[in-house]
Amino acid sequence: MDAKTFIEQSTPFLNWLWDWQRQLPTVSFDEAIPDPERTAVLSVDLIVGFAYEGILSSPRVAGIVPAAVQLFERAKTAGVTEFVLTQDCHSDEAPEFGSFGPHCACGSKEAEMVPELASLHFSDSFTVMHKNSISSSIDTTLDAWLNAHQQDIDTFVVVGDCTDLCTYQLAMHLRLRANAHGYAQRVIVPADCVQTYDMPVDTAAELGIMPHDGDLMHAMFLYQMALNGIEVVSSLA
């Protein structure tokens, strides 16, 4: 198959994907979170190195910070007490740097929580988990936390970045874990609170890293999450 045929064959699906993303439903906050005491809000990588500074920082990610902060505040007001933040804190020689370039090294400004979240009056109640890969569950304390809250939490709202990388990995882990064990749990992803970065082909070539079409990857992985039973919505109204 040549490039022209590949693109032509993919066009009907891409047109459908565009329409599907634009028509994602807005769900009321009360419908998504009927019982705040049994709900956890999980944020992945809302840190300086993806929003404001560093090789992978992106205005696309910075743009979701206000909506994510608003969701945190609304959830807290409603009675949610569990806020879990998984955050990159890379070792100096993290293998991941070969794909994405050096970013969010432990102890650096890039690895810090975005100041908008850190300044929330209840930020001292956050459960922060550091990770050295795009997975929030491998070699972290996430599964121990989930096991400890198994009887208490049945709704997970996931926000953060990147849609196709760390956010996808976190949401899918929650969904597949529930599927495997037969847990009656919901995983909800509001699209206005997740985003990914863009890396044009020419810029990637200059940096010696992989290119990344932000718009396509964002839409494609929202679809992948929905395909796997995650509740992907436009926003929580």
C-alpha atoms as a PDB file:
ATOM      1  CA  MET A   1       0.000   0.000   0.000  1.00  0.00           C
ATOM      2  CA  ASP A   2       1.346   3.437  -0.897  1.00  0.00           C
ATOM      3  CA  ALA A   3       0.861   6.642   1.088  1.00  0.00           C
ATOM      4  CA  LYS A   4      -1.918   7.926  -1.142  1.00  0.00           C
ATOM      5  CA  THR A   5      -3.960   4.731  -0.767  1.00  0.00           C
ATOM      6  CA  PHE A   6      -3.355   4.676   2.981  1.00  0.00           C
ATOM      7  CA  ILE A   7      -4.598   8.238   3.360  1.00  0.00           C
ATOM      8  CA  GLU A   8      -7.600   7.669   1.102  1.00  0.00           C
ATOM      9  CA  GLN A   9      -8.643   4.540   2.974  1.00  0.00           C
ATOM     10  CA  SER A  10      -8.301   6.291   6.315  1.00  0.00           C
ATOM     11  CA  THR A  11     -10.293   9.384   5.323  1.00  0.00           C
ATOM     12  CA  PRO A  12     -13.804   8.012   6.057  1.00  0.00           C
ATOM     13  CA  PHE A  13     -12.755   7.023   9.575  1.00  0.00           C
ATOM     14  CA  LEU A  14     -11.002  10.332  10.181  1.00  0.00           C
ATOM     15  CA  ASN A  15     -14.125  12.203   9.089  1.00  0.00           C
ATOM     16  CA  TRP A  16     -16.176  10.059  11.464  1.00  0.00           C
ATOM     17  CA  LEU A  17     -13.638  10.652  14.262  1.00  0.00           C
ATOM     18  CA  TRP A  18     -13.843  14.401  13.764  1.00  0.00           C
ATOM     19  CA  ASP A  19     -17.635  14.348  14.050  1.00  0.00           C
ATOM     20  CA  TRP A  20     -17.566  11.959  17.020  1.00  0.00           C
ATOM     21  CA  GLN A  21     -15.202  14.179  18.978  1.00  0.00           C
ATOM     22  CA  ARG A  22     -17.258  17.295  18.264  1.00  0.00           C
ATOM     23  CA  GLN A  23     -20.416  15.557  19.448  1.00  0.00           C
ATOM     24  CA  LEU A  24     -19.123  14.234  22.761  1.00  0.00           C
ATOM     25  CA  PRO A  25     -21.881  14.723  25.323  1.00  0.00           C
ATOM     26  CA  THR A  26     -21.729  17.180  28.167  1.00  0.00           C
ATOM     27  CA  VAL A  27     -22.692  15.384  31.366  1.00  0.00           C
ATOM     28  CA  SER A  28     -23.941  17.116  34.483  1.00  0.00           C
ATOM     29  CA  PHE A  29     -21.603  17.083  37.455  1.00  0.00           C
ATOM     30  CA  ASP A  30     -24.256  15.466  39.634  1.00  0.00           C
ATOM     31  CA  GLU A  31     -24.823  12.696  37.089  1.00  0.00           C
ATOM     32  CA  ALA A  32     -21.114  11.966  36.803  1.00  0.00           C
ATOM     33  CA  ILE A  33     -20.553  12.166  40.555  1.00  0.00           C
ATOM     34  CA  PRO A  34     -23.769  11.105  42.299  1.00  0.00           C
ATOM     35  CA  ASP A  35     -21.877  10.153  45.457  1.00  0.00           C
ATOM     36  CA  PRO A  36     -18.850  12.390  46.092  1.00  0.00           C
ATOM     37  CA  GLU A  37     -17.769  10.271  49.061  1.00  0.00           C
ATOM     38  CA  ARG A  38     -17.258   7.322  46.696  1.00  0.00           C
ATOM     39  CA  THR A  39     -15.446   9.371  44.042  1.00  0.00           C
ATOM     40  CA  ALA A  40     -11.770  10.070  43.442  1.00  0.00           C
ATOM     41  CA  VAL A  41     -10.305  12.677  41.107  1.00  0.00           C
ATOM     42  CA  LEU A  42      -7.022  11.545  39.578  1.00  0.00           C
ATOM     43  CA  SER A  43      -4.681  13.929  37.806  1.00  0.00           C
ATOM     44  CA  VAL A  44      -1.705  12.833  35.769  1.00  0.00           C
ATOM     45  CA  ASP A  45       1.265  15.061  34.943  1.00  0.00           C
ATOM     46  CA  LEU A  46      -0.269  18.465  35.569  1.00  0.00           C
ATOM     47  CA  ILE A  47       3.234  19.689  36.233  1.00  0.00           C
ATOM     48  CA  VAL A  48       5.378  22.586  35.088  1.00  0.00           C
ATOM     49  CA  GLY A  49       7.358  20.543  32.547  1.00  0.00           C
ATOM     50  CA  PHE A  50       4.294  19.825  30.437  1.00  0.00           C
ATOM     51  CA  ALA A  51       2.483  23.112  30.895  1.00  0.00           C
ATOM     52  CA  TYR A  52       5.019  25.933  31.143  1.00  0.00           C
ATOM     53  CA  GLU A  53       8.718  25.035  30.906  1.00  0.00           C
ATOM     54  CA  GLY A  54      10.876  22.468  29.134  1.00  0.00           C
ATOM     55  CA  ILE A  55      11.155  20.600  25.846  1.00  0.00           C
ATOM     56  CA  LEU A  56       7.693  19.017  26.123  1.00  0.00           C
ATOM     57  CA  SER A  57       5.846  21.979  27.595  1.00  0.00           C
ATOM     58  CA  SER A  58       2.873  22.984  25.527  1.00  0.00           C
ATOM     59  CA  PRO A  59       0.286  25.776  25.525  1.00  0.00           C
ATOM     60  CA  ARG A  60      -2.188  23.023  24.701  1.00  0.00           C
ATOM     61  CA  VAL A  61      -1.560  21.489  28.122  1.00  0.00           C
ATOM     62  CA  ALA A  62      -1.416  24.853  29.865  1.00  0.00           C
ATOM     63  CA  GLY A  63      -4.821  25.538  28.346  1.00  0.00           C
ATOM     64  CA  ILE A  64      -6.525  22.756  30.331  1.00  0.00           C
ATOM     65  CA  VAL A  65      -5.188  23.865  33.702  1.00  0.00           C
ATOM     66  CA  PRO A  66      -8.071  26.284  34.463  1.00  0.00           C
ATOM     67  CA  ALA A  67     -10.715  23.645  33.686  1.00  0.00           C
ATOM     68  CA  ALA A  68      -8.887  21.022  35.758  1.00  0.00           C
ATOM     69  CA  VAL A  69      -8.521  23.410  38.703  1.00  0.00           C
ATOM     70  CA  GLN A  70     -12.193  24.298  38.469  1.00  0.00           C
ATOM     71  CA  LEU A  71     -13.076  20.598  38.517  1.00  0.00           C
ATOM     72  CA  PHE A  72     -10.901  20.077  41.601  1.00  0.00           C
ATOM     73  CA  GLU A  73     -12.593  22.984  43.367  1.00  0.00           C
ATOM     74  CA  ARG A  74     -16.076  21.862  42.426  1.00  0.00           C
ATOM     75  CA  ALA A  75     -15.362  18.297  43.473  1.00  0.00           C
ATOM     76  CA  LYS A  76     -14.010  19.451  46.834  1.00  0.00           C
ATOM     77  CA  THR A  77     -17.056  21.645  47.429  1.00  0.00           C
ATOM     78  CA  ALA A  78     -19.333  18.714  46.561  1.00  0.00           C
ATOM     79  CA  GLY A  79     -17.642  16.525  49.152  1.00  0.00           C
ATOM     80  CA  VAL A  80     -14.933  14.625  47.253  1.00  0.00           C
ATOM     81  CA  THR A  81     -12.001  14.003  49.589  1.00  0.00           C
ATOM     82  CA  GLU A  82      -9.741  11.802  47.458  1.00  0.00           C
ATOM     83  CA  PHE A  83      -7.427  13.601  45.029  1.00  0.00           C
ATOM     84  CA  VAL A  84      -4.568  11.536  43.590  1.00  0.00           C
ATOM     85  CA  LEU A  85      -1.865  13.181  41.479  1.00  0.00           C
ATOM     86  CA  THR A  86       0.612  11.008  39.592  1.00  0.00           C
ATOM     87  CA  GLN A  87       3.575  13.032  38.386  1.00  0.00           C
ATOM     88  CA  ASP A  88       6.728  12.487  36.353  1.00  0.00           C
ATOM     89  CA  CYS A  89       9.866  12.542  38.475  1.00  0.00           C
ATOM     90  CA  HIS A  90      12.505  11.080  36.207  1.00  0.00           C
ATOM     91  CA  SER A  91      15.890   9.695  37.095  1.00  0.00           C
ATOM     92  CA  ASP A  92      18.844  11.352  35.373  1.00  0.00           C
ATOM     93  CA  GLU A  93      19.224   8.485  32.892  1.00  0.00           C
ATOM     94  CA  ALA A  94      15.564   7.618  32.361  1.00  0.00           C
ATOM     95  CA  PRO A  95      15.261   5.340  29.277  1.00  0.00           C
ATOM     96  CA  GLU A  96      12.193   7.340  28.273  1.00  0.00           C
ATOM     97  CA  PHE A  97      14.449  10.272  27.373  1.00  0.00           C
ATOM     98  CA  GLY A  98      15.424   8.368  24.230  1.00  0.00           C
ATOM     99  CA  SER A  99      11.908   8.812  22.896  1.00  0.00           C
ATOM    100  CA  PHE A 100      10.859  12.167  24.305  1.00  0.00           C
ATOM    101  CA  GLY A 101      14.050  13.959  25.228  1.00  0.00           C
ATOM    102  CA  PRO A 102      15.075  14.931  28.778  1.00  0.00           C
ATOM    103  CA  HIS A 103      12.156  16.263  30.821  1.00  0.00           C
ATOM    104  CA  CYS A 104      10.771  16.532  34.349  1.00  0.00           C
ATOM    105  CA  ALA A 105      13.847  15.279  36.184  1.00  0.00           C
ATOM    106  CA  CYS A 106      13.405  14.770  39.925  1.00  0.00           C
ATOM    107  CA  GLY A 107      14.247  17.929  41.839  1.00  0.00           C
ATOM    108  CA  SER A 108      13.805  20.210  38.829  1.00  0.00           C
ATOM    109  CA  LYS A 109      11.252  22.964  38.362  1.00  0.00           C
ATOM    110  CA  GLU A 110       9.705  20.913  35.573  1.00  0.00           C
ATOM    111  CA  ALA A 111       8.772  18.121  37.994  1.00  0.00           C
ATOM    112  CA  GLU A 112       6.781  20.468  40.235  1.00  0.00           C
ATOM    113  CA  MET A 113       2.989  20.536  40.363  1.00  0.00           C
ATOM    114  CA  VAL A 114       1.502  23.429  38.377  1.00  0.00           C
ATOM    115  CA  PRO A 115       1.167  26.375  40.786  1.00  0.00           C
ATOM    116  CA  GLU A 116      -2.579  26.660  40.166  1.00  0.00           C
ATOM    117  CA  LEU A 117      -3.103  23.266  41.811  1.00  0.00           C
ATOM    118  CA  ALA A 118      -0.426  23.753  44.451  1.00  0.00           C
ATOM    119  CA  SER A 119      -2.105  26.973  45.595  1.00  0.00           C
ATOM    120  CA  LEU A 120      -5.517  25.383  46.217  1.00  0.00           C
ATOM    121  CA  HIS A 121      -6.414  25.637  49.889  1.00  0.00           C
ATOM    122  CA  PHE A 122      -6.789  21.846  50.129  1.00  0.00           C
ATOM    123  CA  SER A 123      -3.605  20.912  48.244  1.00  0.00           C
ATOM    124  CA  ASP A 124      -2.081  19.554  51.443  1.00  0.00           C
ATOM    125  CA  SER A 125      -4.635  16.733  51.261  1.00  0.00           C
ATOM    126  CA  PHE A 126      -3.500  15.578  47.804  1.00  0.00           C
ATOM    127  CA  THR A 127      -1.982  12.125  47.474  1.00  0.00           C
ATOM    128  CA  VAL A 128       1.046  12.650  45.209  1.00  0.00           C
ATOM    129  CA  MET A 129       2.699   9.682  43.511  1.00  0.00           C
ATOM    130  CA  HIS A 130       5.922   9.962  41.526  1.00  0.00           C
ATOM    131  CA  LYS A 131       6.551   7.892  38.415  1.00  0.00           C
ATOM    132  CA  ASN A 132       9.538   7.259  36.157  1.00  0.00           C
ATOM    133  CA  SER A 133       7.609   6.260  33.038  1.00  0.00           C
ATOM    134  CA  ILE A 134       4.369   7.023  31.257  1.00  0.00           C
ATOM    135  CA  SER A 135       2.688   4.424  33.466  1.00  0.00           C
ATOM    136  CA  SER A 136       1.072   5.568  36.702  1.00  0.00           C
ATOM    137  CA  SER A 137       0.875   1.984  37.942  1.00  0.00           C
ATOM    138  CA  ILE A 138       4.286   0.405  37.272  1.00  0.00           C
ATOM    139  CA  ASP A 139       6.697   0.796  40.196  1.00  0.00           C
ATOM    140  CA  THR A 140       4.416   3.327  41.912  1.00  0.00           C
ATOM    141  CA  THR A 141       2.096   3.209  44.907  1.00  0.00           C
ATOM    142  CA  LEU A 142      -1.071   3.478  42.813  1.00  0.00           C
ATOM    143  CA  ASP A 143      -2.182  -0.146  43.088  1.00  0.00           C
ATOM    144  CA  ALA A 144      -1.592  -0.144  46.829  1.00  0.00           C
ATOM    145  CA  TRP A 145      -3.769   2.963  47.073  1.00  0.00           C
ATOM    146  CA  LEU A 146      -6.472   1.375  44.909  1.00  0.00           C
ATOM    147  CA  ASN A 147      -6.443  -1.778  46.999  1.00  0.00           C
ATOM    148  CA  ALA A 148      -6.721   0.239  50.196  1.00  0.00           C
ATOM    149  CA  HIS A 149      -9.732   2.128  48.813  1.00  0.00           C
ATOM    150  CA  GLN A 150     -11.385  -0.801  47.037  1.00  0.00           C
ATOM    151  CA  GLN A 151     -14.464  -0.749  49.276  1.00  0.00           C
ATOM    152  CA  ASP A 152     -14.713   3.047  49.361  1.00  0.00           C
ATOM    153  CA  ILE A 153     -14.305   4.325  45.792  1.00  0.00           C
ATOM    154  CA  ASP A 154     -16.277   3.285  42.711  1.00  0.00           C
ATOM    155  CA  THR A 155     -16.008   6.377  40.486  1.00  0.00           C
ATOM    156  CA  PHE A 156     -12.749   7.725  39.067  1.00  0.00           C
ATOM    157  CA  VAL A 157     -12.526  11.035  37.209  1.00  0.00           C
ATOM    158  CA  VAL A 158      -9.265  11.303  35.261  1.00  0.00           C
ATOM    159  CA  VAL A 159      -7.727  14.582  34.064  1.00  0.00           C
ATOM    160  CA  GLY A 160      -4.305  15.636  32.804  1.00  0.00           C
ATOM    161  CA  ASP A 161      -1.836  14.931  30.059  1.00  0.00           C
ATOM    162  CA  CYS A 162      -0.932  13.558  27.701  1.00  0.00           C
ATOM    163  CA  THR A 163      -4.164  12.167  26.255  1.00  0.00           C
ATOM    164  CA  ASP A 164      -2.417   9.431  24.290  1.00  0.00           C
ATOM    165  CA  LEU A 165       0.361   8.669  26.747  1.00  0.00           C
ATOM    166  CA  CYS A 166       0.119   9.039  30.521  1.00  0.00           C
ATOM    167  CA  THR A 167      -3.595   9.870  30.645  1.00  0.00           C
ATOM    168  CA  TYR A 168      -4.444   6.902  28.446  1.00  0.00           C
ATOM    169  CA  GLN A 169      -2.253   4.604  30.528  1.00  0.00           C
ATOM    170  CA  LEU A 170      -3.864   5.723  33.790  1.00  0.00           C
ATOM    171  CA  ALA A 171      -7.463   5.585  32.589  1.00  0.00           C
ATOM    172  CA  MET A 172      -6.923   2.218  30.920  1.00  0.00           C
ATOM    173  CA  HIS A 173      -5.280   0.767  34.013  1.00  0.00           C
ATOM    174  CA  LEU A 174      -8.292   1.739  36.087  1.00  0.00           C
ATOM    175  CA  ARG A 175     -10.732   0.379  33.509  1.00  0.00           C
ATOM    176  CA  LEU A 176      -8.897  -2.876  32.802  1.00  0.00           C
ATOM    177  CA  ARG A 177      -8.274  -3.536  36.488  1.00  0.00           C
ATOM    178  CA  ALA A 178     -12.001  -3.187  37.136  1.00  0.00           C
ATOM    179  CA  ASN A 179     -12.827  -5.387  34.138  1.00  0.00           C
ATOM    180  CA  ALA A 180     -10.394  -8.107  35.170  1.00  0.00           C
ATOM    181  CA  HIS A 181     -11.738  -8.311  38.706  1.00  0.00           C
ATOM    182  CA  GLY A 182     -15.394  -7.685  37.879  1.00  0.00           C
ATOM    183  CA  TYR A 183     -15.532  -4.468  39.897  1.00  0.00           C
ATOM    184  CA  ALA A 184     -18.531  -2.209  39.296  1.00  0.00           C
ATOM    185  CA  GLN A 185     -16.489   0.935  38.803  1.00  0.00           C
ATOM    186  CA  ARG A 186     -16.773   3.926  36.481  1.00  0.00           C
ATOM    187  CA  VAL A 187     -13.877   5.729  34.829  1.00  0.00           C
ATOM    188  CA  ILE A 188     -14.779   9.169  33.463  1.00  0.00           C
ATOM    189  CA  VAL A 189     -12.570  11.383  31.286  1.00  0.00           C
ATOM    190  CA  PRO A 190     -13.791  14.946  30.603  1.00  0.00           C
ATOM    191  CA  ALA A 191     -12.199  15.951  27.301  1.00  0.00           C
ATOM    192  CA  ASP A 192     -11.874  19.596  28.298  1.00  0.00           C
ATOM    193  CA  CYS A 193      -9.534  18.555  31.120  1.00  0.00           C
ATOM    194  CA  VAL A 194      -7.126  16.416  29.074  1.00  0.00           C
ATOM    195  CA  GLN A 195      -4.759  17.345  26.283  1.00  0.00           C
ATOM    196  CA  THR A 196      -1.540  16.342  24.544  1.00  0.00           C
ATOM    197  CA  TYR A 197       1.462  18.093  23.047  1.00  0.00           C
ATOM    198  CA  ASP A 198       2.262  18.802  19.403  1.00  0.00           C
ATOM    199  CA  MET A 199       5.640  18.116  17.820  1.00  0.00           C
ATOM    200  CA  PRO A 200       5.798  18.992  14.106  1.00  0.00           C
ATOM    201  CA  VAL A 201       7.805  16.660  11.886  1.00  0.00           C
ATOM    202  CA  ASP A 202      10.466  19.253  11.039  1.00  0.00           C
ATOM    203  CA  THR A 203      10.953  20.294  14.671  1.00  0.00           C
ATOM    204  CA  ALA A 204      11.191  16.660  15.770  1.00  0.00           C
ATOM    205  CA  ALA A 205      13.850  16.016  13.142  1.00  0.00           C
ATOM    206  CA  GLU A 206      15.930  18.926  14.461  1.00  0.00           C
ATOM    207  CA  LEU A 207      15.646  17.592  18.030  1.00  0.00           C
ATOM    208  CA  GLY A 208      16.231  13.975  17.032  1.00  0.00           C
ATOM    209  CA  ILE A 209      12.973  12.754  18.577  1.00  0.00           C
ATOM    210  CA  MET A 210       9.670  11.352  17.315  1.00  0.00           C
ATOM    211  CA  PRO A 211       7.106  13.716  15.785  1.00  0.00           C
ATOM    212  CA  HIS A 212       3.668  13.939  17.340  1.00  0.00           C
ATOM    213  CA  ASP A 213       0.472  15.256  15.761  1.00  0.00           C
ATOM    214  CA  GLY A 214      -1.323  16.679  18.779  1.00  0.00           C
ATOM    215  CA  ASP A 215      -4.790  17.071  17.255  1.00  0.00           C
ATOM    216  CA  LEU A 216      -4.811  13.587  15.752  1.00  0.00           C
ATOM    217  CA  MET A 217      -3.399  11.857  18.824  1.00  0.00           C
ATOM    218  CA  HIS A 218      -5.818  13.652  21.147  1.00  0.00           C
ATOM    219  CA  ALA A 219      -8.839  12.597  19.097  1.00  0.00           C
ATOM    220  CA  MET A 220      -7.591   9.088  18.432  1.00  0.00           C
ATOM    221  CA  PHE A 221      -6.917   8.277  22.054  1.00  0.00           C
ATOM    222  CA  LEU A 222     -10.151   9.767  23.328  1.00  0.00           C
ATOM    223  CA  TYR A 223     -11.709   7.287  20.905  1.00  0.00           C
ATOM    224  CA  GLN A 224      -9.476   4.453  22.147  1.00  0.00           C
ATOM    225  CA  MET A 225     -10.546   5.124  25.721  1.00  0.00           C
ATOM    226  CA  ALA A 226     -14.221   5.216  24.761  1.00  0.00           C
ATOM    227  CA  LEU A 227     -13.776   2.024  22.752  1.00  0.00           C
ATOM    228  CA  ASN A 228     -12.586   0.315  25.924  1.00  0.00           C
ATOM    229  CA  GLY A 229     -15.503   1.358  28.107  1.00  0.00           C
ATOM    230  CA  ILE A 230     -14.188   4.571  29.600  1.00  0.00           C
ATOM    231  CA  GLU A 231     -16.830   7.303  29.776  1.00  0.00           C
ATOM    232  CA  VAL A 232     -15.403  10.050  27.574  1.00  0.00           C
ATOM    233  CA  VAL A 233     -17.452  13.240  27.822  1.00  0.00           C
ATOM    234  CA  SER A 234     -17.025  16.759  26.563  1.00  0.00           C
ATOM    235  CA  SER A 235     -17.150  18.241  30.055  1.00  0.00           C
ATOM    236  CA  LEU A 236     -18.881  18.018  33.412  1.00  0.00           C
ATOM    237  CA  ALA A 237     -21.411  20.837  33.414  1.00  0.00           C
END
